[in-house]
Amino acid sequence: MVYGKIFMISDSISLDVPWDVEEIDCAGKIVCPGFIDQHVHITGGGGEEGPLSKVPELMLGEIVSAGVTTVVGVLGVDGITRSTAELLAKARSLELEGITSYIYTGSYNVPTTTLMGRAAADIALIDKVIGIGEIAISDYRSSYPSTQTLKELASEARVGGMIGGKAGVLHLHVGDGKDRLRPLFNLVNECDFPLSMFVPTHLNRNRQLFNDALEYARTGGYIDLTAGEITGTGYSVADAIVLALQHGIDPEHITVSSDGNGSVPQGAGEGSQVGKVVNLFNDIRECIVGKRIDISIAIRTVTSNAARILGIYPVKGILAENSDADIVVLNKDFTLDKVFAKGQLMVDKGKLVRKGRFES
């Protein structure tokens, strides 16, 4: 028997089998795939305000309490005091604690950090590396990569993905800079790479940038929204999805991630807060309960859509026979009831039942 997988889906399943079976009553509940969060600072974000502002590592409980069973780790701006090796070690730790984890090789700046001296080699040869990121564009903290530099990075991601049998994603942090999505438009206009390999994120952070995102999505591109947008200069995830659907954007081209455990600057002299992975769950719930977005559209942004982009579908992102048993059970009011990661119960009745090694 293969453990950690969905063995059977049927209208009627007999429990008369020669092994122990626990029956879990989900009558009146909503059952969906475990959430995929493709942008998480698992080793901590921040550091822009000095050593005291470095965010600590993320613990398992904060991840699974948000219904998330698969994460992709990113470094962010600090590729100096943090490393891709550290990111990889943390991803392996989370995997041993029960969830699924991947990472991007790289950080904001170019030349970017790698493990083996070349990003394509990282992707091709290291199991958990699925792409390059988060490379920063339109941000004063970025190295302002030229179109040629972005082409070279895209080539590294593509070739590494082809050799390693992976998606080979180029994951782009988009800041509040004047260029907005122009660097990405220039890149795709001058090359022949498939649009599916580019994942620009934070696209709801301000309204001008979101207008660019709509234009990009209309060309067939994929757009990633960041949960917990509260600045007032941008759109919440729920409002952004409503607007995207009103503009005829293919819902399969929309994903949502948390930017969890990253620093959230509060303005000069006001310090920073820490982004929460649970914002992802809260924003998806707001889509369904607050904005009445169809549940299949809302849930897809953090399940099958993300899984396809990351090249892990149908192992992830779907409830199907032979897929991983990553399962979220919701109550009728769309609050969290249970979370299973690879068949192991992590959350029960909304309460954390499995913690990481160093969680109190």
Protein backbone atom coordinates (compact mmCIF):
# COMPACT_ATOMS: atom_id res chain seq x y z
CA MET A 1 0.00 0.00 0.00
CA VAL A 2 1.17 3.53 -0.81
CA TYR A 3 0.75 5.78 2.21
CA GLY A 4 0.16 9.52 2.01
CA LYS A 5 -1.86 9.20 -1.19
CA ILE A 6 -5.59 9.26 -1.94
CA PHE A 7 -6.39 5.60 -2.52
CA MET A 8 -10.00 5.82 -3.73
CA ILE A 9 -12.77 8.32 -4.41
CA SER A 10 -16.24 6.85 -4.73
CA ASP A 11 -19.86 7.45 -3.79
CA SER A 12 -19.70 4.31 -1.68
CA ILE A 13 -16.59 2.78 -0.08
CA SER A 14 -16.72 -0.40 1.97
CA LEU A 15 -14.80 -0.39 5.23
CA ASP A 16 -14.66 -4.19 5.17
CA VAL A 17 -10.94 -4.35 4.40
CA PRO A 18 -8.08 -6.32 5.98
CA TRP A 19 -6.41 -3.30 7.58
CA ASP A 20 -7.32 -0.73 10.21
CA VAL A 21 -9.44 2.12 8.87
CA GLU A 22 -10.47 5.26 10.73
CA GLU A 23 -13.72 6.77 9.52
CA ILE A 24 -13.97 10.58 9.72
CA ASP A 25 -17.46 12.02 9.39
CA CYS A 26 -17.42 15.07 7.10
CA ALA A 27 -21.18 15.29 6.63
CA GLY A 28 -22.17 18.90 6.07
CA LYS A 29 -18.55 19.91 5.52
CA ILE A 30 -16.72 21.23 2.45
CA VAL A 31 -13.68 19.21 1.39
CA CYS A 32 -11.00 20.68 -0.86
CA PRO A 33 -7.31 20.16 -1.68
CA GLY A 34 -4.64 21.45 0.66
CA PHE A 35 -3.57 25.01 -0.11
CA ILE A 36 -0.35 25.76 -1.98
CA ASP A 37 1.49 28.91 -0.90
CA GLN A 38 4.07 29.67 -3.57
CA HIS A 39 5.76 32.63 -1.85
CA VAL A 40 6.82 32.17 1.79
CA HIS A 41 9.88 33.45 3.67
CA ILE A 42 10.44 30.18 5.51
CA THR A 43 13.84 31.30 6.85
CA GLY A 44 12.53 34.77 7.65
CA GLY A 45 12.37 38.00 5.70
CA GLY A 46 13.39 41.51 6.54
CA GLY A 47 16.76 42.87 7.53
CA GLU A 48 16.39 46.19 5.71
CA GLU A 49 16.39 48.07 9.02
CA GLY A 50 19.48 46.37 10.37
CA PRO A 51 20.17 43.06 12.16
CA LEU A 52 17.40 43.63 14.70
CA SER A 53 14.79 43.61 11.91
CA LYS A 54 15.60 40.12 10.63
CA VAL A 55 12.50 37.94 10.94
CA PRO A 56 13.05 34.48 12.55
CA GLU A 57 12.36 31.17 10.82
CA LEU A 58 8.78 30.12 10.22
CA MET A 59 7.31 27.28 12.27
CA LEU A 60 5.15 24.42 10.99
CA GLY A 61 2.09 25.40 13.04
CA GLU A 62 1.67 28.78 11.37
CA ILE A 63 1.69 27.09 7.97
CA VAL A 64 -0.81 24.28 8.52
CA SER A 65 -3.10 26.46 10.65
CA ALA A 66 -3.71 28.40 7.43
CA GLY A 67 -4.76 25.28 5.52
CA VAL A 68 -1.43 25.26 3.68
CA THR A 69 0.16 21.89 2.98
CA THR A 70 2.69 22.90 0.31
CA VAL A 71 5.06 25.88 0.47
CA VAL A 72 7.67 27.39 -1.81
CA GLY A 73 10.43 29.18 0.09
CA VAL A 74 12.01 32.46 -1.05
CA LEU A 75 14.94 34.49 0.26
CA GLY A 76 13.86 38.01 -0.65
CA VAL A 77 16.09 41.07 -0.41
CA ASP A 78 18.74 39.56 1.87
CA GLY A 79 21.06 37.34 -0.13
CA ILE A 80 24.01 38.46 1.99
CA THR A 81 23.36 37.27 5.55
CA ARG A 82 20.98 34.54 4.37
CA SER A 83 21.71 31.85 1.80
CA THR A 84 20.05 29.44 -0.57
CA ALA A 85 21.69 26.62 1.40
CA GLU A 86 19.91 27.83 4.54
CA LEU A 87 16.65 27.98 2.58
CA LEU A 88 17.12 24.42 1.32
CA ALA A 89 17.88 23.10 4.81
CA LYS A 90 14.72 24.73 6.20
CA ALA A 91 12.64 23.27 3.34
CA ARG A 92 13.95 19.81 4.17
CA SER A 93 13.13 20.37 7.84
CA LEU A 94 9.52 21.29 7.02
CA GLU A 95 9.25 18.21 4.80
CA LEU A 96 10.37 16.00 7.67
CA GLU A 97 7.78 17.65 9.89
CA GLY A 98 5.04 16.55 7.50
CA ILE A 99 4.31 19.07 4.74
CA THR A 100 5.62 19.45 1.18
CA SER A 101 8.23 22.11 0.48
CA TYR A 102 10.11 23.55 -2.48
CA ILE A 103 12.35 26.57 -2.93
CA TYR A 104 13.50 29.08 -5.52
CA THR A 105 17.19 29.61 -6.02
CA GLY A 106 18.16 33.27 -5.91
CA SER A 107 17.21 36.52 -4.22
CA TYR A 108 16.22 40.07 -5.21
CA ASN A 109 19.45 41.02 -6.91
CA VAL A 110 21.43 39.95 -9.97
CA PRO A 111 23.94 38.27 -10.03
CA THR A 112 21.78 36.20 -7.74
CA THR A 113 22.63 33.64 -5.07
CA THR A 114 22.85 29.98 -6.07
CA LEU A 115 24.04 26.70 -4.58
CA MET A 116 26.10 25.31 -7.43
CA GLY A 117 27.29 28.47 -9.11
CA ARG A 118 24.63 28.36 -11.80
CA ALA A 119 20.86 28.65 -11.38
CA ALA A 120 20.13 26.11 -14.14
CA ALA A 121 22.27 23.53 -12.32
CA ASP A 122 20.40 24.16 -9.06
CA ILE A 123 17.08 23.52 -10.79
CA ALA A 124 18.25 20.50 -12.76
CA LEU A 125 20.10 18.70 -9.97
CA ILE A 126 18.53 19.65 -6.63
CA ASP A 127 15.14 18.07 -6.01
CA LYS A 128 13.53 20.94 -4.12
CA VAL A 129 14.60 23.77 -6.44
CA ILE A 130 11.83 24.47 -8.95
CA GLY A 131 12.83 27.83 -10.35
CA ILE A 132 14.60 31.15 -9.88
CA GLY A 133 13.30 33.87 -7.60
CA GLU A 134 12.31 36.11 -6.21
CA ILE A 135 14.10 38.41 -8.64
CA ALA A 136 13.13 42.04 -7.97
CA ILE A 137 12.01 44.46 -10.67
CA SER A 138 10.62 47.99 -10.33
CA ASP A 139 11.90 48.29 -6.77
CA TYR A 140 14.56 50.56 -5.27
CA ARG A 141 15.99 47.48 -3.53
CA SER A 142 16.50 45.64 -6.83
CA SER A 143 19.52 45.74 -9.11
CA TYR A 144 17.28 46.98 -11.95
CA PRO A 145 18.05 44.05 -14.28
CA SER A 146 18.08 44.88 -17.98
CA THR A 147 15.92 43.05 -20.51
CA GLN A 148 19.00 41.11 -21.58
CA THR A 149 19.69 40.06 -18.00
CA LEU A 150 16.09 38.91 -17.55
CA LYS A 151 16.38 36.94 -20.81
CA GLU A 152 19.45 35.19 -19.46
CA LEU A 153 17.70 34.38 -16.19
CA ALA A 154 14.67 33.06 -18.10
CA SER A 155 16.98 30.87 -20.17
CA GLU A 156 18.58 29.49 -17.01
CA ALA A 157 15.16 28.72 -15.54
CA ARG A 158 13.92 27.14 -18.76
CA VAL A 159 16.99 25.00 -19.44
CA GLY A 160 17.27 23.90 -15.82
CA GLY A 161 13.58 22.97 -15.84
CA MET A 162 13.89 21.00 -19.06
CA ILE A 163 16.90 19.02 -17.84
CA GLY A 164 15.43 18.46 -14.39
CA GLY A 165 11.87 17.70 -15.55
CA LYS A 166 10.46 20.72 -13.69
CA ALA A 167 8.44 23.82 -14.50
CA GLY A 168 11.50 26.09 -14.40
CA VAL A 169 9.65 29.14 -13.06
CA LEU A 170 11.05 32.68 -13.05
CA HIS A 171 9.40 34.23 -10.01
CA LEU A 172 9.45 38.05 -10.08
CA HIS A 173 8.97 40.37 -7.12
CA VAL A 174 7.34 43.55 -8.47
CA GLY A 175 7.78 46.65 -6.34
CA ASP A 176 6.19 50.09 -6.27
CA GLY A 177 8.64 51.52 -8.79
CA LYS A 178 7.71 53.69 -11.76
CA ASP A 179 8.34 50.94 -14.32
CA ARG A 180 5.69 48.66 -12.79
CA LEU A 181 5.43 45.64 -15.18
CA ARG A 182 7.32 47.25 -18.06
CA PRO A 183 10.44 45.07 -17.56
CA LEU A 184 8.28 41.94 -17.91
CA PHE A 185 6.44 43.32 -20.96
CA ASN A 186 9.81 44.08 -22.59
CA LEU A 187 11.04 40.57 -21.79
CA VAL A 188 8.08 38.69 -23.23
CA ASN A 189 7.94 40.94 -26.29
CA GLU A 190 11.55 40.16 -27.15
CA CYS A 191 11.71 36.43 -26.46
CA ASP A 192 9.93 33.16 -27.21
CA PHE A 193 9.64 31.71 -23.72
CA PRO A 194 6.21 30.39 -22.69
CA LEU A 195 4.26 32.84 -20.54
CA SER A 196 3.45 30.04 -18.10
CA MET A 197 7.02 30.12 -16.76
CA PHE A 198 6.78 33.72 -15.51
CA VAL A 199 5.13 34.40 -12.16
CA PRO A 200 5.09 38.11 -11.28
CA THR A 201 3.85 38.64 -7.72
CA HIS A 202 2.55 41.44 -5.43
CA LEU A 203 0.49 42.72 -8.37
CA ASN A 204 -2.32 44.09 -6.17
CA ARG A 205 0.03 46.30 -4.14
CA ASN A 206 -1.05 49.47 -5.97
CA ARG A 207 -3.76 50.26 -8.45
CA GLN A 208 -1.56 51.37 -11.33
CA LEU A 209 0.41 48.14 -11.08
CA PHE A 210 -2.80 46.12 -10.99
CA ASN A 211 -3.92 47.79 -14.23
CA ASP A 212 -0.66 46.55 -15.77
CA ALA A 213 -1.42 43.10 -14.36
CA LEU A 214 -4.81 43.06 -16.09
CA GLU A 215 -3.14 43.98 -19.37
CA TYR A 216 -0.54 41.25 -18.89
CA ALA A 217 -3.19 38.65 -18.04
CA ARG A 218 -5.17 39.58 -21.15
CA THR A 219 -2.15 38.56 -23.23
CA GLY A 220 -2.23 35.11 -21.59
CA GLY A 221 0.13 35.80 -18.69
CA TYR A 222 -0.26 34.52 -15.15
CA ILE A 223 -0.69 36.91 -12.22
CA ASP A 224 -0.04 36.32 -8.53
CA LEU A 225 -1.80 38.39 -5.87
CA THR A 226 -0.48 38.89 -2.34
CA ALA A 227 -2.75 38.19 0.62
CA GLY A 228 -3.17 40.73 3.40
CA GLU A 229 -2.97 43.88 1.24
CA ILE A 230 -4.10 46.61 3.66
CA THR A 231 -2.18 49.69 2.56
CA GLY A 232 -5.16 51.37 0.91
CA THR A 233 -3.09 52.11 -2.19
CA GLY A 234 -3.84 48.74 -3.70
CA TYR A 235 -6.62 46.17 -3.83
CA SER A 236 -7.42 43.37 -1.42
CA VAL A 237 -7.20 39.90 -2.93
CA ALA A 238 -10.98 39.63 -2.99
CA ASP A 239 -11.46 43.00 -4.71
CA ALA A 240 -8.66 42.25 -7.18
CA ILE A 241 -10.20 38.92 -8.18
CA VAL A 242 -13.62 40.52 -8.63
CA LEU A 243 -12.07 43.15 -10.92
CA ALA A 244 -10.08 40.57 -12.85
CA LEU A 245 -13.19 38.49 -13.51
CA GLN A 246 -15.11 41.60 -14.56
CA HIS A 247 -12.34 42.30 -17.08
CA GLY A 248 -12.67 38.80 -18.53
CA ILE A 249 -9.40 37.42 -17.14
CA ASP A 250 -9.19 33.62 -17.28
CA PRO A 251 -9.61 32.53 -13.62
CA GLU A 252 -7.08 29.74 -14.19
CA HIS A 253 -4.42 32.43 -14.70
CA ILE A 254 -4.89 33.91 -11.20
CA THR A 255 -3.03 32.70 -8.12
CA VAL A 256 -2.70 34.00 -4.56
CA SER A 257 0.25 33.69 -2.18
CA SER A 258 0.87 35.00 1.33
CA ASP A 259 4.38 36.52 1.33
CA GLY A 260 4.22 34.95 4.77
CA ASN A 261 6.95 35.61 7.35
CA GLY A 262 8.26 38.54 5.34
CA SER A 263 8.66 41.99 6.83
CA VAL A 264 5.93 44.55 6.21
CA PRO A 265 7.43 48.06 6.54
CA GLN A 266 5.14 50.51 8.34
CA GLY A 267 6.79 53.75 7.26
CA ALA A 268 9.75 55.83 8.39
CA GLY A 269 10.50 55.34 12.06
CA GLU A 270 7.54 53.02 12.59
CA GLY A 271 9.36 49.71 12.22
CA SER A 272 7.97 46.62 10.52
CA GLN A 273 5.38 43.96 11.09
CA VAL A 274 5.58 40.35 9.96
CA GLY A 275 3.40 38.99 7.18
CA LYS A 276 1.18 36.09 8.22
CA VAL A 277 0.57 32.92 6.24
CA VAL A 278 -2.97 32.86 7.67
CA ASN A 279 -3.75 35.94 5.55
CA LEU A 280 -3.95 33.52 2.65
CA PHE A 281 -6.78 31.55 4.24
CA ASN A 282 -8.55 34.69 5.44
CA ASP A 283 -8.48 36.29 1.99
CA ILE A 284 -9.77 33.16 0.24
CA ARG A 285 -12.58 32.99 2.79
CA GLU A 286 -13.38 36.68 2.14
CA CYS A 287 -13.58 35.93 -1.58
CA ILE A 288 -16.24 33.31 -0.94
CA VAL A 289 -18.16 34.75 2.02
CA GLY A 290 -17.68 38.48 1.50
CA LYS A 291 -17.55 38.86 -2.29
CA ARG A 292 -19.60 35.79 -3.26
CA ILE A 293 -16.98 34.60 -5.70
CA ASP A 294 -17.70 31.05 -6.83
CA ILE A 295 -15.95 28.69 -4.43
CA SER A 296 -14.37 26.70 -7.26
CA ILE A 297 -12.75 29.87 -8.64
CA ALA A 298 -11.53 31.08 -5.24
CA ILE A 299 -10.12 27.74 -4.10
CA ARG A 300 -8.46 27.13 -7.47
CA THR A 301 -6.19 30.17 -6.96
CA VAL A 302 -4.38 28.34 -4.14
CA THR A 303 -4.72 24.76 -5.38
CA SER A 304 -4.86 23.59 -9.01
CA ASN A 305 -3.82 26.92 -10.59
CA ALA A 306 -0.70 27.13 -8.45
CA ALA A 307 0.05 23.42 -8.90
CA ARG A 308 -0.04 23.70 -12.69
CA ILE A 309 2.27 26.74 -12.72
CA LEU A 310 4.73 25.00 -10.39
CA GLY A 311 4.65 21.78 -12.40
CA ILE A 312 3.37 19.64 -9.49
CA TYR A 313 -0.14 18.93 -10.81
CA PRO A 314 -1.87 16.42 -10.45
CA VAL A 315 0.21 15.18 -7.52
CA LYS A 316 -0.81 18.40 -5.81
CA GLY A 317 -3.75 20.78 -6.14
CA ILE A 318 -6.53 18.27 -6.71
CA LEU A 319 -8.49 15.59 -4.88
CA ALA A 320 -8.02 12.55 -7.09
CA GLU A 321 -6.91 8.96 -6.78
CA ASN A 322 -3.10 8.71 -6.48
CA SER A 323 -2.76 12.40 -5.68
CA ASP A 324 -1.14 13.33 -2.37
CA ALA A 325 -3.60 13.20 0.53
CA ASP A 326 -3.39 16.94 1.21
CA ILE A 327 -6.92 17.75 2.33
CA VAL A 328 -8.63 20.76 3.89
CA VAL A 329 -12.04 20.34 5.52
CA LEU A 330 -14.12 23.49 5.97
CA ASN A 331 -17.21 24.12 8.05
CA LYS A 332 -20.40 25.45 6.45
CA ASP A 333 -19.35 29.01 7.32
CA PHE A 334 -15.99 28.38 5.59
CA THR A 335 -13.98 28.36 8.79
CA LEU A 336 -11.22 25.78 9.11
CA ASP A 337 -12.12 22.39 10.56
CA LYS A 338 -9.38 19.90 9.60
CA VAL A 339 -6.10 19.84 7.68
CA PHE A 340 -4.38 16.68 6.46
CA ALA A 341 -0.89 16.79 4.94
CA LYS A 342 0.05 13.61 3.10
CA GLY A 343 -2.65 11.83 5.08
CA GLN A 344 -1.47 13.04 8.50
CA LEU A 345 -3.88 15.07 10.62
CA MET A 346 -2.38 18.50 11.34
CA VAL A 347 -5.43 20.53 12.41
CA ASP A 348 -8.61 19.16 14.00
CA LYS A 349 -11.71 21.17 14.87
CA GLY A 350 -9.75 24.30 14.01
CA LYS A 351 -7.02 23.51 16.55
CA LEU A 352 -3.41 22.67 15.82
CA VAL A 353 -2.69 19.04 16.73
CA ARG A 354 0.75 18.62 15.19
CA LYS A 355 3.56 21.07 15.87
CA GLY A 356 7.08 21.50 14.64
CA ARG A 357 10.02 20.26 16.67
CA PHE A 358 10.78 23.59 18.32
CA GLU A 359 7.23 24.87 18.81
CA SER A 360 6.02 25.21 22.37
